[in-house]
Amino acid sequence: QVQLVEFGGGLVQAGGSLRLSCAASGMIFSANAMGWYRQAPGKQRELVAGITKSSSTNYADSVKGRFTISRDNAKNTVYLQMNSLKPEDTAVYYCYAPIQWAWGPKDYWGQGTQVTVSS
């Protein structure tokens, strides 16, 4: 059973930093791309950052230069380092794993962690 558990959300002032972690289990972590999404109240869930199994990364334009996604395959964990946070970064952040099983693809999500940036 695949589980994604996020840690690290909280309340921070604008300009501050937070690091989110997502611990994965029940999957071959090193063989899988991972991602972070976020959803603000009244808005659609959006991709924040993604990282391939070979650690190539991509970012939403709104976070480029401020956020960094990384992974530690030895710990089955993906991270999102968030610097220079802005009030508009306030959202629930979700860890995401798209897995291709022998029987077909399935997307997995963590439970989400709240990030609140005060002005």
C-alpha atoms as a PDB file:
ATOM      1  CA  GLN A   1       0.000   0.000   0.000  1.00  0.00           C
ATOM      2  CA  VAL A   2       1.482   3.313  -1.112  1.00  0.00           C
ATOM      3  CA  GLN A   3       1.600   6.021   1.532  1.00  0.00           C
ATOM      4  CA  LEU A   4       2.822   9.593   1.226  1.00  0.00           C
ATOM      5  CA  VAL A   5       3.168  11.533   4.465  1.00  0.00           C
ATOM      6  CA  GLU A   6       4.030  15.224   4.461  1.00  0.00           C
ATOM      7  CA  PHE A   7       5.770  17.154   7.217  1.00  0.00           C
ATOM      8  CA  GLY A   8       6.928  20.696   7.710  1.00  0.00           C
ATOM      9  CA  GLY A   9       4.040  23.034   7.075  1.00  0.00           C
ATOM     10  CA  GLY A  10       3.254  25.941   9.336  1.00  0.00           C
ATOM     11  CA  LEU A  11       2.914  29.673   9.733  1.00  0.00           C
ATOM     12  CA  VAL A  12       5.711  31.936   8.572  1.00  0.00           C
ATOM     13  CA  GLN A  13       6.124  35.625   7.886  1.00  0.00           C
ATOM     14  CA  ALA A  14       6.597  36.910   4.371  1.00  0.00           C
ATOM     15  CA  GLY A  15      10.220  36.587   3.348  1.00  0.00           C
ATOM     16  CA  GLY A  16      10.724  33.551   5.540  1.00  0.00           C
ATOM     17  CA  SER A  17      11.503  29.950   4.697  1.00  0.00           C
ATOM     18  CA  LEU A  18      10.022  26.513   5.248  1.00  0.00           C
ATOM     19  CA  ARG A  19      11.073  23.038   4.208  1.00  0.00           C
ATOM     20  CA  LEU A  20       8.456  20.431   3.440  1.00  0.00           C
ATOM     21  CA  SER A  21       9.231  16.723   3.522  1.00  0.00           C
ATOM     22  CA  CYS A  22       7.303  13.821   2.079  1.00  0.00           C
ATOM     23  CA  ALA A  23       8.104  10.308   3.255  1.00  0.00           C
ATOM     24  CA  ALA A  24       7.025   7.594   0.820  1.00  0.00           C
ATOM     25  CA  SER A  25       6.420   3.905   1.463  1.00  0.00           C
ATOM     26  CA  GLY A  26       4.981   0.959  -0.414  1.00  0.00           C
ATOM     27  CA  MET A  27       6.651   1.915  -3.689  1.00  0.00           C
ATOM     28  CA  ILE A  28      10.026   1.717  -5.396  1.00  0.00           C
ATOM     29  CA  PHE A  29      10.838   5.315  -4.604  1.00  0.00           C
ATOM     30  CA  SER A  30      14.063   5.586  -6.594  1.00  0.00           C
ATOM     31  CA  ALA A  31      12.294   4.480  -9.758  1.00  0.00           C
ATOM     32  CA  ASN A  32       9.578   7.079  -9.575  1.00  0.00           C
ATOM     33  CA  ALA A  33       9.058  10.722 -10.360  1.00  0.00           C
ATOM     34  CA  MET A  34       7.646  12.799  -7.516  1.00  0.00           C
ATOM     35  CA  GLY A  35       6.002  16.174  -7.232  1.00  0.00           C
ATOM     36  CA  TRP A  36       4.539  18.869  -5.037  1.00  0.00           C
ATOM     37  CA  TYR A  37       1.188  20.492  -5.730  1.00  0.00           C
ATOM     38  CA  ARG A  38      -0.686  23.166  -3.838  1.00  0.00           C
ATOM     39  CA  GLN A  39      -4.261  24.303  -3.519  1.00  0.00           C
ATOM     40  CA  ALA A  40      -5.304  27.675  -2.194  1.00  0.00           C
ATOM     41  CA  PRO A  41      -8.875  28.364  -1.026  1.00  0.00           C
ATOM     42  CA  GLY A  42     -11.188  28.765  -3.987  1.00  0.00           C
ATOM     43  CA  LYS A  43      -8.511  27.806  -6.490  1.00  0.00           C
ATOM     44  CA  GLN A  44      -7.619  24.697  -8.437  1.00  0.00           C
ATOM     45  CA  ARG A  45      -4.784  22.460  -7.368  1.00  0.00           C
ATOM     46  CA  GLU A  46      -1.623  23.431  -9.249  1.00  0.00           C
ATOM     47  CA  LEU A  47       1.785  21.914  -9.820  1.00  0.00           C
ATOM     48  CA  VAL A  48       4.512  23.604  -7.805  1.00  0.00           C
ATOM     49  CA  ALA A  49       7.536  21.449  -8.640  1.00  0.00           C
ATOM     50  CA  GLY A  50       8.417  18.045 -10.006  1.00  0.00           C
ATOM     51  CA  ILE A  51      11.487  15.836  -9.923  1.00  0.00           C
ATOM     52  CA  THR A  52      12.205  12.829 -12.112  1.00  0.00           C
ATOM     53  CA  LYS A  53      13.846   9.593 -10.987  1.00  0.00           C
ATOM     54  CA  SER A  54      17.108  10.994 -12.367  1.00  0.00           C
ATOM     55  CA  SER A  55      16.574  14.237 -10.413  1.00  0.00           C
ATOM     56  CA  SER A  56      15.707  16.515 -13.302  1.00  0.00           C
ATOM     57  CA  THR A  57      13.434  19.238 -11.976  1.00  0.00           C
ATOM     58  CA  ASN A  58      10.724  21.579 -13.172  1.00  0.00           C
ATOM     59  CA  TYR A  59       8.952  24.446 -11.449  1.00  0.00           C
ATOM     60  CA  ALA A  60       5.916  26.624 -11.759  1.00  0.00           C
ATOM     61  CA  ASP A  61       6.893  30.086 -12.983  1.00  0.00           C
ATOM     62  CA  SER A  62       5.550  31.592  -9.777  1.00  0.00           C
ATOM     63  CA  VAL A  63       8.107  29.762  -7.622  1.00  0.00           C
ATOM     64  CA  LYS A  64      11.180  29.637  -9.852  1.00  0.00           C
ATOM     65  CA  GLY A  65      14.234  30.947  -8.065  1.00  0.00           C
ATOM     66  CA  ARG A  66      12.549  30.666  -4.654  1.00  0.00           C
ATOM     67  CA  PHE A  67      11.651  26.977  -4.267  1.00  0.00           C
ATOM     68  CA  THR A  68      13.870  23.936  -4.676  1.00  0.00           C
ATOM     69  CA  ILE A  69      12.704  20.345  -4.963  1.00  0.00           C
ATOM     70  CA  SER A  70      15.096  17.534  -4.110  1.00  0.00           C
ATOM     71  CA  ARG A  71      15.035  13.864  -3.224  1.00  0.00           C
ATOM     72  CA  ASP A  72      16.917  11.446  -1.008  1.00  0.00           C
ATOM     73  CA  ASN A  73      16.443   7.943  -2.356  1.00  0.00           C
ATOM     74  CA  ALA A  74      18.142   6.408   0.688  1.00  0.00           C
ATOM     75  CA  LYS A  75      15.391   7.911   2.871  1.00  0.00           C
ATOM     76  CA  ASN A  76      12.517   7.532   0.386  1.00  0.00           C
ATOM     77  CA  THR A  77      11.874  11.221   0.898  1.00  0.00           C
ATOM     78  CA  VAL A  78      11.246  14.200  -1.349  1.00  0.00           C
ATOM     79  CA  TYR A  79      11.725  17.745  -0.119  1.00  0.00           C
ATOM     80  CA  LEU A  80      10.518  21.198  -1.039  1.00  0.00           C
ATOM     81  CA  GLN A  81      12.685  24.034   0.220  1.00  0.00           C
ATOM     82  CA  MET A  82      10.685  27.247   0.096  1.00  0.00           C
ATOM     83  CA  ASN A  83      12.500  30.561   0.459  1.00  0.00           C
ATOM     84  CA  SER A  84      11.377  34.176   0.133  1.00  0.00           C
ATOM     85  CA  LEU A  85       7.839  33.107   0.868  1.00  0.00           C
ATOM     86  CA  LYS A  86       4.989  35.391  -0.148  1.00  0.00           C
ATOM     87  CA  PRO A  87       1.404  35.597   1.126  1.00  0.00           C
ATOM     88  CA  GLU A  88       0.252  34.199  -2.221  1.00  0.00           C
ATOM     89  CA  ASP A  89       2.149  30.984  -1.431  1.00  0.00           C
ATOM     90  CA  THR A  90      -0.438  30.276   1.265  1.00  0.00           C
ATOM     91  CA  ALA A  91      -2.064  26.944   0.426  1.00  0.00           C
ATOM     92  CA  VAL A  92      -2.317  23.305   1.336  1.00  0.00           C
ATOM     93  CA  TYR A  93       0.683  21.555  -0.159  1.00  0.00           C
ATOM     94  CA  TYR A  94       0.371  17.975  -1.386  1.00  0.00           C
ATOM     95  CA  CYS A  95       2.991  15.386  -2.197  1.00  0.00           C
ATOM     96  CA  TYR A  96       2.291  13.501  -5.419  1.00  0.00           C
ATOM     97  CA  ALA A  97       3.507  10.249  -6.943  1.00  0.00           C
ATOM     98  CA  PRO A  98       2.382   9.014 -10.350  1.00  0.00           C
ATOM     99  CA  ILE A  99       3.101   5.283 -10.430  1.00  0.00           C
ATOM    100  CA  GLN A 100       3.026   2.993 -13.426  1.00  0.00           C
ATOM    101  CA  TRP A 101       2.087  -0.441 -12.220  1.00  0.00           C
ATOM    102  CA  ALA A 102       2.077  -3.574 -14.396  1.00  0.00           C
ATOM    103  CA  TRP A 103      -1.719  -3.321 -14.468  1.00  0.00           C
ATOM    104  CA  GLY A 104      -1.835   0.397 -15.236  1.00  0.00           C
ATOM    105  CA  PRO A 105      -1.110   3.893 -13.918  1.00  0.00           C
ATOM    106  CA  LYS A 106      -2.358   5.345 -10.667  1.00  0.00           C
ATOM    107  CA  ASP A 107      -1.784   8.693  -8.979  1.00  0.00           C
ATOM    108  CA  TYR A 108      -1.126   8.903  -5.255  1.00  0.00           C
ATOM    109  CA  TRP A 109      -1.462  11.918  -2.970  1.00  0.00           C
ATOM    110  CA  GLY A 110      -0.445  12.742   0.550  1.00  0.00           C
ATOM    111  CA  GLN A 111      -2.882  14.143   3.072  1.00  0.00           C
ATOM    112  CA  GLY A 112      -1.606  17.679   2.604  1.00  0.00           C
ATOM    113  CA  THR A 113       0.146  20.132   4.877  1.00  0.00           C
ATOM    114  CA  GLN A 114      -0.941  23.731   5.436  1.00  0.00           C
ATOM    115  CA  VAL A 115       1.464  26.547   4.654  1.00  0.00           C
ATOM    116  CA  THR A 116       0.379  30.014   5.749  1.00  0.00           C
ATOM    117  CA  VAL A 117       2.434  33.083   4.924  1.00  0.00           C
ATOM    118  CA  SER A 118       1.523  36.243   6.784  1.00  0.00           C
ATOM    119  CA  SER A 119       2.196  39.697   5.397  1.00  0.00           C
END
